[in-house]
Amino acid sequence: MGIQAAAHFHRRRLVHRADNKSHFVDYQTCVTAGGGHMVCTGIAEYRLAGTGVFSLGGIAVVEIESGRIEHEAPVTTLAPAGRVVTYNAVHLEIDGSRPVPSSGSRR
């Protein structure tokens, strides 16, 4: 992992591109979180010998200017359709002083 690149667009124009420094998840969605940070979510699929595929989700807080991952955690919660909740875009909201995830996963 860690070979995918993150691209940041403004009005459909590429303004920044950076290597994904995650060791286990390819980011699908990144949103600005304020204070020079963004929250990124994504998945990685791992082939298991003889048993199919294991999907691992992840969420990370990334410092925008350097691309440094400040916090990163695996996500294994499944949506009703059976895919990890970070398979599709994830919406986050602030509840008091802490972020609360709201899955957009529909598949």
N, C-alpha and C. Protein backbone atom coordinates (compact mmCIF):
# COMPACT_ATOMS: atom_id res chain seq x y z
N MET A 1 0.83 -1.18 0.00
CA MET A 1 0.00 0.00 0.00
C MET A 1 0.88 1.25 0.00
N GLY A 2 0.24 2.38 0.07
CA GLY A 2 0.99 3.62 0.12
C GLY A 2 1.47 4.10 -1.24
N ILE A 3 1.04 3.45 -2.33
CA ILE A 3 1.49 3.86 -3.65
C ILE A 3 0.48 4.73 -4.37
N GLN A 4 -0.75 4.72 -3.90
CA GLN A 4 -1.78 5.57 -4.51
C GLN A 4 -1.47 7.02 -4.18
N ALA A 5 -1.90 7.91 -5.04
CA ALA A 5 -1.68 9.34 -4.80
C ALA A 5 -2.99 10.01 -4.46
N ALA A 6 -2.91 11.02 -3.62
CA ALA A 6 -4.08 11.83 -3.31
C ALA A 6 -4.02 13.08 -4.18
N ALA A 7 -5.13 13.44 -4.77
CA ALA A 7 -5.18 14.63 -5.61
C ALA A 7 -6.23 15.57 -5.04
N HIS A 8 -5.91 16.84 -4.99
CA HIS A 8 -6.82 17.84 -4.45
C HIS A 8 -7.21 18.79 -5.57
N PHE A 9 -8.50 18.95 -5.77
CA PHE A 9 -9.00 19.78 -6.85
C PHE A 9 -9.76 20.98 -6.29
N HIS A 10 -9.70 22.09 -7.01
CA HIS A 10 -10.50 23.26 -6.70
C HIS A 10 -11.08 23.73 -8.02
N ARG A 11 -12.41 23.76 -8.08
CA ARG A 11 -13.10 24.14 -9.32
C ARG A 11 -12.59 23.34 -10.51
N ARG A 12 -12.48 22.04 -10.30
CA ARG A 12 -12.08 21.07 -11.33
C ARG A 12 -10.65 21.25 -11.82
N ARG A 13 -9.84 21.98 -11.08
CA ARG A 13 -8.44 22.18 -11.45
C ARG A 13 -7.57 21.55 -10.37
N LEU A 14 -6.62 20.72 -10.79
CA LEU A 14 -5.71 20.07 -9.86
C LEU A 14 -4.84 21.14 -9.20
N VAL A 15 -4.87 21.19 -7.87
CA VAL A 15 -4.07 22.17 -7.16
C VAL A 15 -2.97 21.53 -6.32
N HIS A 16 -3.07 20.24 -6.08
CA HIS A 16 -2.06 19.56 -5.27
C HIS A 16 -2.15 18.06 -5.47
N ARG A 17 -1.02 17.41 -5.53
CA ARG A 17 -0.98 15.96 -5.64
C ARG A 17 0.10 15.47 -4.68
N ALA A 18 -0.20 14.40 -3.93
CA ALA A 18 0.76 13.88 -2.96
C ALA A 18 0.62 12.37 -2.87
N ASP A 19 1.74 11.70 -2.60
CA ASP A 19 1.70 10.25 -2.39
C ASP A 19 0.88 9.94 -1.15
N ASN A 20 0.15 8.83 -1.21
CA ASN A 20 -0.60 8.33 -0.06
C ASN A 20 0.41 7.65 0.87
N LYS A 21 0.58 8.18 2.06
CA LYS A 21 1.56 7.64 2.99
C LYS A 21 0.99 6.57 3.91
N SER A 22 -0.26 6.19 3.70
CA SER A 22 -0.87 5.15 4.51
C SER A 22 -0.20 3.82 4.23
N HIS A 23 -0.09 3.01 5.25
CA HIS A 23 0.52 1.69 5.08
C HIS A 23 -0.50 0.60 4.81
N PHE A 24 -1.80 0.91 4.96
CA PHE A 24 -2.76 -0.17 4.77
C PHE A 24 -4.03 0.19 4.03
N VAL A 25 -4.29 1.45 3.73
CA VAL A 25 -5.55 1.84 3.08
C VAL A 25 -5.27 2.82 1.93
N ASP A 26 -5.98 2.63 0.82
CA ASP A 26 -5.94 3.59 -0.28
C ASP A 26 -7.09 4.56 -0.08
N TYR A 27 -6.77 5.84 0.05
CA TYR A 27 -7.80 6.83 0.31
C TYR A 27 -8.74 6.97 -0.88
N GLN A 28 -10.03 7.06 -0.59
CA GLN A 28 -11.06 7.26 -1.60
C GLN A 28 -11.57 8.70 -1.55
N THR A 29 -11.71 9.22 -0.33
CA THR A 29 -12.30 10.54 -0.12
C THR A 29 -11.50 11.30 0.93
N CYS A 30 -11.20 12.56 0.65
CA CYS A 30 -10.57 13.44 1.64
C CYS A 30 -11.35 14.75 1.67
N VAL A 31 -11.62 15.24 2.87
CA VAL A 31 -12.33 16.50 3.03
C VAL A 31 -11.57 17.39 4.02
N THR A 32 -11.62 18.68 3.78
CA THR A 32 -10.97 19.64 4.66
C THR A 32 -11.65 19.61 6.02
N ALA A 33 -10.84 19.59 7.07
CA ALA A 33 -11.38 19.51 8.43
C ALA A 33 -11.04 20.75 9.25
N GLY A 34 -10.38 21.73 8.66
CA GLY A 34 -10.00 22.94 9.37
C GLY A 34 -8.66 22.79 10.05
N GLY A 35 -8.07 23.90 10.41
CA GLY A 35 -6.79 23.88 11.10
C GLY A 35 -5.67 23.28 10.29
N GLY A 36 -5.77 23.34 8.95
CA GLY A 36 -4.72 22.80 8.11
C GLY A 36 -4.74 21.29 7.98
N HIS A 37 -5.88 20.68 8.30
CA HIS A 37 -6.00 19.22 8.25
C HIS A 37 -7.12 18.78 7.32
N MET A 38 -7.03 17.54 6.90
CA MET A 38 -8.13 16.91 6.17
C MET A 38 -8.35 15.52 6.76
N VAL A 39 -9.57 15.04 6.62
CA VAL A 39 -9.92 13.69 7.06
C VAL A 39 -10.10 12.85 5.80
N CYS A 40 -9.39 11.73 5.75
CA CYS A 40 -9.43 10.85 4.58
C CYS A 40 -9.98 9.49 5.00
N THR A 41 -10.80 8.91 4.13
CA THR A 41 -11.30 7.56 4.36
C THR A 41 -11.05 6.74 3.11
N GLY A 42 -11.02 5.44 3.28
CA GLY A 42 -10.81 4.57 2.13
C GLY A 42 -10.83 3.12 2.50
N ILE A 43 -10.37 2.30 1.56
CA ILE A 43 -10.36 0.85 1.77
C ILE A 43 -9.11 0.25 1.14
N ALA A 44 -8.87 -0.98 1.49
CA ALA A 44 -7.90 -1.82 0.81
C ALA A 44 -8.49 -3.22 0.81
N GLU A 45 -8.24 -3.94 -0.26
CA GLU A 45 -8.71 -5.32 -0.32
C GLU A 45 -7.50 -6.24 -0.33
N TYR A 46 -7.53 -7.20 0.55
CA TYR A 46 -6.44 -8.16 0.68
C TYR A 46 -6.93 -9.53 0.25
N ARG A 47 -6.21 -10.17 -0.64
CA ARG A 47 -6.55 -11.52 -1.09
C ARG A 47 -6.10 -12.52 -0.02
N LEU A 48 -7.01 -13.39 0.35
CA LEU A 48 -6.72 -14.42 1.34
C LEU A 48 -6.64 -15.76 0.62
N ALA A 49 -5.63 -16.52 0.90
CA ALA A 49 -5.42 -17.81 0.23
C ALA A 49 -6.62 -18.72 0.42
N GLY A 50 -7.29 -19.02 -0.68
CA GLY A 50 -8.39 -19.97 -0.67
C GLY A 50 -9.69 -19.49 -0.06
N THR A 51 -9.73 -18.28 0.49
CA THR A 51 -10.96 -17.83 1.15
C THR A 51 -11.52 -16.54 0.57
N GLY A 52 -10.95 -16.03 -0.49
CA GLY A 52 -11.51 -14.82 -1.10
C GLY A 52 -10.79 -13.56 -0.71
N VAL A 53 -11.57 -12.52 -0.44
CA VAL A 53 -11.02 -11.18 -0.22
C VAL A 53 -11.47 -10.65 1.14
N PHE A 54 -10.55 -9.99 1.83
CA PHE A 54 -10.86 -9.30 3.08
C PHE A 54 -10.75 -7.80 2.80
N SER A 55 -11.81 -7.05 3.05
CA SER A 55 -11.80 -5.60 2.86
C SER A 55 -11.59 -4.90 4.20
N LEU A 56 -10.60 -4.03 4.23
CA LEU A 56 -10.29 -3.26 5.43
C LEU A 56 -10.50 -1.79 5.11
N GLY A 57 -11.28 -1.12 5.94
CA GLY A 57 -11.48 0.31 5.79
C GLY A 57 -10.50 1.06 6.68
N GLY A 58 -10.44 2.35 6.47
CA GLY A 58 -9.57 3.16 7.31
C GLY A 58 -9.99 4.61 7.30
N ILE A 59 -9.58 5.32 8.34
CA ILE A 59 -9.83 6.75 8.45
C ILE A 59 -8.55 7.39 8.97
N ALA A 60 -8.21 8.56 8.43
CA ALA A 60 -6.97 9.21 8.83
C ALA A 60 -7.16 10.72 8.90
N VAL A 61 -6.43 11.34 9.81
CA VAL A 61 -6.33 12.80 9.87
C VAL A 61 -4.96 13.13 9.30
N VAL A 62 -4.97 13.93 8.23
CA VAL A 62 -3.74 14.22 7.49
C VAL A 62 -3.47 15.73 7.52
N GLU A 63 -2.23 16.10 7.79
CA GLU A 63 -1.81 17.50 7.74
C GLU A 63 -1.66 17.85 6.26
N ILE A 64 -2.41 18.84 5.79
CA ILE A 64 -2.50 19.12 4.35
C ILE A 64 -1.15 19.53 3.76
N GLU A 65 -0.46 20.46 4.36
CA GLU A 65 0.75 21.00 3.75
C GLU A 65 1.84 19.94 3.57
N SER A 66 2.06 19.12 4.58
CA SER A 66 3.13 18.11 4.50
C SER A 66 2.65 16.75 4.03
N GLY A 67 1.33 16.50 4.12
CA GLY A 67 0.81 15.18 3.80
C GLY A 67 1.04 14.16 4.90
N ARG A 68 1.52 14.62 6.05
CA ARG A 68 1.83 13.72 7.17
C ARG A 68 0.55 13.21 7.82
N ILE A 69 0.48 11.90 8.04
CA ILE A 69 -0.65 11.30 8.73
C ILE A 69 -0.46 11.52 10.22
N GLU A 70 -1.40 12.23 10.85
CA GLU A 70 -1.30 12.49 12.28
C GLU A 70 -2.00 11.43 13.11
N HIS A 71 -3.09 10.90 12.60
CA HIS A 71 -3.81 9.81 13.26
C HIS A 71 -4.36 8.91 12.16
N GLU A 72 -4.35 7.62 12.39
CA GLU A 72 -4.90 6.68 11.42
C GLU A 72 -5.45 5.47 12.17
N ALA A 73 -6.62 5.02 11.75
CA ALA A 73 -7.23 3.87 12.43
C ALA A 73 -7.93 2.98 11.41
N PRO A 74 -7.88 1.67 11.63
CA PRO A 74 -8.61 0.75 10.75
C PRO A 74 -10.11 0.82 11.04
N VAL A 75 -10.91 0.50 10.04
CA VAL A 75 -12.37 0.45 10.18
C VAL A 75 -12.83 -0.90 9.66
N THR A 76 -13.53 -1.66 10.49
CA THR A 76 -14.01 -2.98 10.07
C THR A 76 -15.53 -3.08 10.09
N THR A 77 -16.22 -2.01 10.48
CA THR A 77 -17.68 -2.01 10.54
C THR A 77 -18.26 -2.16 9.14
N LEU A 78 -19.25 -3.05 9.01
CA LEU A 78 -19.86 -3.30 7.71
C LEU A 78 -21.21 -2.59 7.58
N ALA A 79 -21.49 -2.10 6.38
CA ALA A 79 -22.80 -1.54 6.04
C ALA A 79 -23.77 -2.71 5.84
N PRO A 80 -25.08 -2.45 5.83
CA PRO A 80 -26.05 -3.54 5.64
C PRO A 80 -25.80 -4.37 4.37
N ALA A 81 -25.23 -3.75 3.34
CA ALA A 81 -24.97 -4.48 2.10
C ALA A 81 -23.76 -5.41 2.20
N GLY A 82 -23.04 -5.36 3.33
CA GLY A 82 -21.93 -6.27 3.54
C GLY A 82 -20.54 -5.73 3.23
N ARG A 83 -20.44 -4.50 2.77
CA ARG A 83 -19.13 -3.89 2.50
C ARG A 83 -18.73 -3.01 3.69
N VAL A 84 -17.43 -2.83 3.87
CA VAL A 84 -16.94 -1.96 4.92
C VAL A 84 -17.50 -0.55 4.70
N VAL A 85 -17.86 0.16 5.78
CA VAL A 85 -18.57 1.44 5.66
C VAL A 85 -17.77 2.52 4.94
N THR A 86 -16.47 2.39 4.84
CA THR A 86 -15.68 3.40 4.12
C THR A 86 -15.51 3.05 2.64
N TYR A 87 -16.27 2.07 2.14
CA TYR A 87 -16.20 1.69 0.72
C TYR A 87 -16.66 2.84 -0.16
N ASN A 88 -17.73 3.49 0.22
CA ASN A 88 -18.21 4.69 -0.48
C ASN A 88 -17.85 5.91 0.35
N ALA A 89 -18.18 7.07 -0.14
CA ALA A 89 -17.87 8.31 0.57
C ALA A 89 -18.47 8.29 1.98
N VAL A 90 -17.75 8.88 2.91
CA VAL A 90 -18.19 8.96 4.31
C VAL A 90 -18.37 10.44 4.65
N HIS A 91 -19.47 10.75 5.31
CA HIS A 91 -19.75 12.11 5.74
C HIS A 91 -19.47 12.21 7.23
N LEU A 92 -18.71 13.22 7.65
CA LEU A 92 -18.40 13.43 9.06
C LEU A 92 -18.97 14.77 9.50
N GLU A 93 -19.45 14.81 10.73
CA GLU A 93 -19.95 16.06 11.32
C GLU A 93 -19.34 16.22 12.69
N ILE A 94 -19.23 17.46 13.14
CA ILE A 94 -18.73 17.73 14.48
C ILE A 94 -19.90 17.72 15.45
N ASP A 95 -19.76 16.94 16.52
CA ASP A 95 -20.76 16.87 17.57
C ASP A 95 -20.06 17.34 18.84
N GLY A 96 -20.25 18.61 19.18
CA GLY A 96 -19.50 19.17 20.30
C GLY A 96 -18.06 19.35 19.84
N SER A 97 -17.14 18.63 20.44
CA SER A 97 -15.73 18.78 20.08
C SER A 97 -15.17 17.53 19.41
N ARG A 98 -16.02 16.56 19.09
CA ARG A 98 -15.47 15.34 18.48
C ARG A 98 -16.22 15.01 17.19
N PRO A 99 -15.52 14.45 16.19
CA PRO A 99 -16.19 14.08 14.94
C PRO A 99 -17.04 12.83 15.12
N VAL A 100 -18.17 12.81 14.45
CA VAL A 100 -19.08 11.66 14.50
C VAL A 100 -19.30 11.17 13.08
N PRO A 101 -18.90 9.92 12.75
CA PRO A 101 -19.06 9.44 11.37
C PRO A 101 -20.51 9.14 11.03
N SER A 102 -20.85 9.38 9.79
CA SER A 102 -22.16 9.07 9.25
C SER A 102 -21.93 8.43 7.90
N SER A 103 -22.05 7.12 7.80
CA SER A 103 -21.67 6.39 6.60
C SER A 103 -22.56 6.72 5.42
N GLY A 104 -21.92 6.90 4.28
CA GLY A 104 -22.63 7.07 3.02
C GLY A 104 -22.63 5.78 2.23
N SER A 105 -22.17 4.69 2.83
CA SER A 105 -22.04 3.42 2.12
C SER A 105 -23.39 2.83 1.77
N ARG A 106 -23.58 2.52 0.50
CA ARG A 106 -24.85 1.96 0.05
C ARG A 106 -24.67 0.63 -0.66
N ARG A 107 -23.46 0.23 -0.95
CA ARG A 107 -23.24 -1.01 -1.70
C ARG A 107 -23.07 -2.19 -0.80
